[in-house]
C-alpha atoms as a PDB file:
ATOM      1  CA  MET A   1      28.795 -25.476  32.765  1.00  0.00           C
ATOM      2  CA  LYS A   2      25.682 -27.704  32.419  1.00  0.00           C
ATOM      3  CA  ILE A   3      24.142 -25.772  35.574  1.00  0.00           C
ATOM      4  CA  ILE A   4      24.955 -22.450  33.667  1.00  0.00           C
ATOM      5  CA  GLY A   5      23.071 -23.661  30.548  1.00  0.00           C
ATOM      6  CA  MET A   6      20.047 -24.868  32.706  1.00  0.00           C
ATOM      7  CA  TYR A   7      20.040 -21.413  34.365  1.00  0.00           C
ATOM      8  CA  ARG A   8      20.177 -19.465  31.132  1.00  0.00           C
ATOM      9  CA  ASN A   9      17.172 -21.846  29.840  1.00  0.00           C
ATOM     10  CA  VAL A  10      15.088 -21.196  32.883  1.00  0.00           C
ATOM     11  CA  ILE A  11      15.704 -17.299  32.870  1.00  0.00           C
ATOM     12  CA  GLY A  12      15.043 -17.266  29.052  1.00  0.00           C
ATOM     13  CA  LYS A  13      11.620 -18.872  29.765  1.00  0.00           C
ATOM     14  CA  LEU A  14      10.777 -16.630  32.660  1.00  0.00           C
ATOM     15  CA  GLU A  15      11.623 -13.620  30.488  1.00  0.00           C
ATOM     16  CA  THR A  16       8.981 -14.535  27.866  1.00  0.00           C
ATOM     17  CA  LEU A  17       6.481 -14.347  30.799  1.00  0.00           C
ATOM     18  CA  GLN A  18       7.540 -11.194  32.379  1.00  0.00           C
ATOM     19  CA  ASP A  19       4.503  -9.309  31.246  1.00  0.00           C
ATOM     20  CA  ILE A  20       2.230 -11.552  33.272  1.00  0.00           C
ATOM     21  CA  PRO A  21       3.013 -10.345  36.741  1.00  0.00           C
ATOM     22  CA  LEU A  22       2.275  -6.581  35.496  1.00  0.00           C
ATOM     23  CA  VAL A  23      -1.210  -7.929  34.289  1.00  0.00           C
ATOM     24  CA  LEU A  24      -1.760  -9.360  37.821  1.00  0.00           C
ATOM     25  CA  LEU A  25      -0.309  -6.233  39.520  1.00  0.00           C
ATOM     26  CA  ARG A  26      -2.673  -3.995  37.419  1.00  0.00           C
ATOM     27  CA  ILE A  27      -5.773  -6.120  38.384  1.00  0.00           C
ATOM     28  CA  ILE A  28      -4.877  -6.344  42.178  1.00  0.00           C
ATOM     29  CA  LEU A  29      -4.224  -2.654  42.342  1.00  0.00           C
ATOM     30  CA  ALA A  30      -7.518  -1.833  40.615  1.00  0.00           C
ATOM     31  CA  TYR A  31      -9.416  -4.280  42.977  1.00  0.00           C
ATOM     32  CA  GLY A  32      -7.673  -2.610  45.976  1.00  0.00           C
ATOM     33  CA  PHE A  33      -8.888   0.700  44.988  1.00  0.00           C
ATOM     34  CA  TYR A  34     -12.593  -0.224  43.975  1.00  0.00           C
ATOM     35  CA  MET A  35     -13.720  -0.382  47.611  1.00  0.00           C
ATOM     36  CA  PRO A  36     -12.003   2.962  48.635  1.00  0.00           C
ATOM     37  CA  ALA A  37     -13.394   4.712  45.514  1.00  0.00           C
ATOM     38  CA  THR A  38     -16.941   3.396  45.900  1.00  0.00           C
ATOM     39  CA  MET A  39     -16.782   4.524  49.487  1.00  0.00           C
ATOM     40  CA  LYS A  40     -15.595   7.761  48.876  1.00  0.00           C
ATOM     41  CA  TRP A  41     -18.336   8.285  45.884  1.00  0.00           C
ATOM     42  CA  GLY A  42     -21.047   6.875  48.209  1.00  0.00           C
ATOM     43  CA  ASN A  43     -20.457   9.459  50.785  1.00  0.00           C
ATOM     44  CA  ILE A  44     -18.474  12.261  49.460  1.00  0.00           C
ATOM     45  CA  SER A  45     -19.714  14.853  51.876  1.00  0.00           C
ATOM     46  CA  GLY A  46     -18.413  12.558  54.877  1.00  0.00           C
ATOM     47  CA  ILE A  47     -15.111  12.355  52.962  1.00  0.00           C
ATOM     48  CA  ILE A  48     -14.979  16.085  52.733  1.00  0.00           C
ATOM     49  CA  GLU A  49     -15.902  16.507  56.390  1.00  0.00           C
ATOM     50  CA  TRP A  50     -13.163  13.776  57.294  1.00  0.00           C
ATOM     51  CA  PHE A  51     -10.489  15.693  55.076  1.00  0.00           C
ATOM     52  CA  ASP A  52     -11.475  18.815  56.819  1.00  0.00           C
ATOM     53  CA  GLY A  53     -11.041  17.261  60.242  1.00  0.00           C
ATOM     54  CA  MET A  54      -7.536  16.217  59.401  1.00  0.00           C
ATOM     55  CA  SER A  55      -6.630  19.678  58.132  1.00  0.00           C
ATOM     56  CA  ILE A  56      -6.105  18.646  54.663  1.00  0.00           C
ATOM     57  CA  PRO A  57      -6.195  21.690  52.635  1.00  0.00           C
ATOM     58  CA  MET A  58      -8.984  22.375  50.268  1.00  0.00           C
ATOM     59  CA  PRO A  59     -11.079  19.404  51.557  1.00  0.00           C
ATOM     60  CA  THR A  60     -13.672  19.651  48.940  1.00  0.00           C
ATOM     61  CA  LEU A  61     -11.483  19.704  45.974  1.00  0.00           C
ATOM     62  CA  ASN A  62      -8.999  16.959  47.546  1.00  0.00           C
ATOM     63  CA  ALA A  63     -11.939  14.507  48.297  1.00  0.00           C
ATOM     64  CA  TYR A  64     -13.248  14.876  44.843  1.00  0.00           C
ATOM     65  CA  LEU A  65      -9.573  14.492  43.383  1.00  0.00           C
ATOM     66  CA  ALA A  66      -8.876  11.427  45.642  1.00  0.00           C
ATOM     67  CA  ALA A  67     -12.310   9.862  44.782  1.00  0.00           C
ATOM     68  CA  THR A  68     -11.802  10.405  40.874  1.00  0.00           C
ATOM     69  CA  THR A  69      -8.405   9.149  40.912  1.00  0.00           C
ATOM     70  CA  GLU A  70      -9.080   5.945  42.753  1.00  0.00           C
ATOM     71  CA  MET A  71     -12.067   5.385  40.456  1.00  0.00           C
ATOM     72  CA  ALA A  72     -10.039   6.170  37.260  1.00  0.00           C
ATOM     73  CA  ALA A  73      -7.665   3.539  38.614  1.00  0.00           C
ATOM     74  CA  VAL A  74     -10.453   1.084  38.697  1.00  0.00           C
ATOM     75  CA  ILE A  75     -11.206   1.344  35.111  1.00  0.00           C
ATOM     76  CA  LEU A  76      -7.890   2.269  33.680  1.00  0.00           C
ATOM     77  CA  LEU A  77      -5.594  -0.277  35.299  1.00  0.00           C
ATOM     78  CA  PRO A  78      -7.231  -3.618  34.301  1.00  0.00           C
ATOM     79  CA  LEU A  79      -7.266  -2.168  30.723  1.00  0.00           C
ATOM     80  CA  GLY A  80      -3.652  -1.080  30.851  1.00  0.00           C
ATOM     81  CA  LEU A  81      -4.750   2.252  29.459  1.00  0.00           C
ATOM     82  CA  ALA A  82      -2.769   5.412  30.673  1.00  0.00           C
ATOM     83  CA  THR A  83      -1.003   3.391  33.142  1.00  0.00           C
ATOM     84  CA  ARG A  84       2.031   5.461  33.797  1.00  0.00           C
ATOM     85  CA  ILE A  85      -0.001   8.532  33.881  1.00  0.00           C
ATOM     86  CA  ILE A  86      -2.608   7.269  36.215  1.00  0.00           C
ATOM     87  CA  SER A  87       0.183   5.920  38.585  1.00  0.00           C
ATOM     88  CA  ILE A  88       1.419   9.368  39.331  1.00  0.00           C
ATOM     89  CA  PRO A  89      -1.684  10.866  41.070  1.00  0.00           C
ATOM     90  CA  LEU A  90      -2.217   7.458  42.647  1.00  0.00           C
ATOM     91  CA  MET A  91       1.182   7.608  44.182  1.00  0.00           C
ATOM     92  CA  PHE A  92       0.566  10.960  45.486  1.00  0.00           C
ATOM     93  CA  THR A  93      -2.723   9.787  46.957  1.00  0.00           C
ATOM     94  CA  MET A  94      -1.006   6.686  48.648  1.00  0.00           C
ATOM     95  CA  VAL A  95       1.751   9.237  50.121  1.00  0.00           C
ATOM     96  CA  VAL A  96      -0.956  11.432  51.564  1.00  0.00           C
ATOM     97  CA  ALA A  97      -2.821   8.578  52.871  1.00  0.00           C
ATOM     98  CA  ILE A  98       0.323   7.250  54.532  1.00  0.00           C
ATOM     99  CA  VAL A  99       1.066  10.567  56.202  1.00  0.00           C
ATOM    100  CA  THR A 100      -2.457  11.754  57.188  1.00  0.00           C
ATOM    101  CA  VAL A 101      -4.201   8.559  58.012  1.00  0.00           C
ATOM    102  CA  HIS A 102      -1.773   5.673  58.491  1.00  0.00           C
ATOM    103  CA  TRP A 103       1.633   6.762  59.830  1.00  0.00           C
ATOM    104  CA  GLY A 104       0.548   7.220  63.355  1.00  0.00           C
ATOM    105  CA  ASN A 105      -0.598   3.521  63.607  1.00  0.00           C
ATOM    106  CA  GLY A 106       2.712   2.125  62.768  1.00  0.00           C
ATOM    107  CA  PHE A 107       3.401  -0.331  60.203  1.00  0.00           C
ATOM    108  CA  ASN A 108       1.001  -3.105  60.634  1.00  0.00           C
ATOM    109  CA  ALA A 109      -2.122  -3.346  58.439  1.00  0.00           C
ATOM    110  CA  GLY A 110      -4.018  -4.848  61.097  1.00  0.00           C
ATOM    111  CA  ASP A 111      -3.443  -1.651  63.122  1.00  0.00           C
ATOM    112  CA  ASN A 112      -4.607   0.554  60.186  1.00  0.00           C
ATOM    113  CA  GLY A 113      -0.910   1.181  59.809  1.00  0.00           C
ATOM    114  CA  PHE A 114       0.669   2.340  56.551  1.00  0.00           C
ATOM    115  CA  GLU A 115       1.718  -1.401  55.399  1.00  0.00           C
ATOM    116  CA  ILE A 116      -0.917  -1.655  52.713  1.00  0.00           C
ATOM    117  CA  PRO A 117      -0.674   1.947  51.158  1.00  0.00           C
ATOM    118  CA  LEU A 118       3.165   1.527  51.161  1.00  0.00           C
ATOM    119  CA  TYR A 119       2.637  -1.855  49.209  1.00  0.00           C
ATOM    120  CA  TYR A 120       0.339  -0.003  46.815  1.00  0.00           C
ATOM    121  CA  LEU A 121       2.898   2.766  46.460  1.00  0.00           C
ATOM    122  CA  LEU A 122       5.746   0.204  45.468  1.00  0.00           C
ATOM    123  CA  MET A 123       3.476  -1.494  42.974  1.00  0.00           C
ATOM    124  CA  LEU A 124       2.652   1.823  41.349  1.00  0.00           C
ATOM    125  CA  ILE A 125       6.296   2.729  41.221  1.00  0.00           C
ATOM    126  CA  ILE A 126       6.858  -0.675  39.389  1.00  0.00           C
ATOM    127  CA  LEU A 127       4.199   0.291  36.769  1.00  0.00           C
ATOM    128  CA  LEU A 128       5.423   3.809  36.415  1.00  0.00           C
ATOM    129  CA  PHE A 129       8.771   2.677  35.522  1.00  0.00           C
ATOM    130  CA  ASN A 130       7.848  -0.621  33.644  1.00  0.00           C
ATOM    131  CA  GLY A 131       4.656   0.518  32.029  1.00  0.00           C
ATOM    132  CA  ALA A 132       1.463  -1.934  31.669  1.00  0.00           C
ATOM    133  CA  GLY A 133       3.259  -4.502  29.723  1.00  0.00           C
ATOM    134  CA  LYS A 134       2.481  -6.290  26.500  1.00  0.00           C
ATOM    135  CA  PHE A 135      -1.101  -7.325  27.729  1.00  0.00           C
ATOM    136  CA  SER A 136      -2.443  -3.795  27.669  1.00  0.00           C
ATOM    137  CA  ILE A 137      -4.122  -1.160  25.521  1.00  0.00           C
ATOM    138  CA  ASP A 138      -0.800   1.078  26.346  1.00  0.00           C
ATOM    139  CA  TYR A 139       1.127  -1.656  24.391  1.00  0.00           C
ATOM    140  CA  MET A 140      -1.223  -1.668  21.374  1.00  0.00           C
ATOM    141  CA  ILE A 141      -1.125   1.949  21.264  1.00  0.00           C
ATOM    142  CA  LYS A 142       2.462   2.071  21.368  1.00  0.00           C
ATOM    143  CA  ARG A 143       2.801  -0.698  18.495  1.00  0.00           C
ATOM    144  CA  ARG A 144       0.338   1.309  16.449  1.00  0.00           C
ATOM    145  CA  ILE A 145       2.284   4.579  16.784  1.00  0.00           C
ATOM    146  CA  LYS A 146       5.497   2.761  15.930  1.00  0.00           C
ATOM    147  CA  SER A 147       4.158   1.142  12.709  1.00  0.00           C
END
């Protein structure tokens, strides 16, 4: 029974820290979207042509949507603002990236496979279901609304 007590003690301490991984997840995702977002905005006409070449419907609209969504993530995720909302279009963007760009290259990231966008998709699912956590503007807004 002493082991069970120790286990409960450790779990209790870990539960008090459960919001820290959500902050780290948000920061890592924002960092991961930074380069693709700046690359897209730095050459939006090239992205439109690339999307057109892959037969993505409405390439101009979709290039702007992808670039805007990724840049919004860079701003919103570290703040923990509208986390669940921004997660949805980001998830869609990752699915499109997997299907149109990465799937044919297999799984491995080193081969430009779908490994990294899949990880991002899974991280976004975690944020969609769990929210941003206590260390976020979302949490502050939620507390303000409840009081």
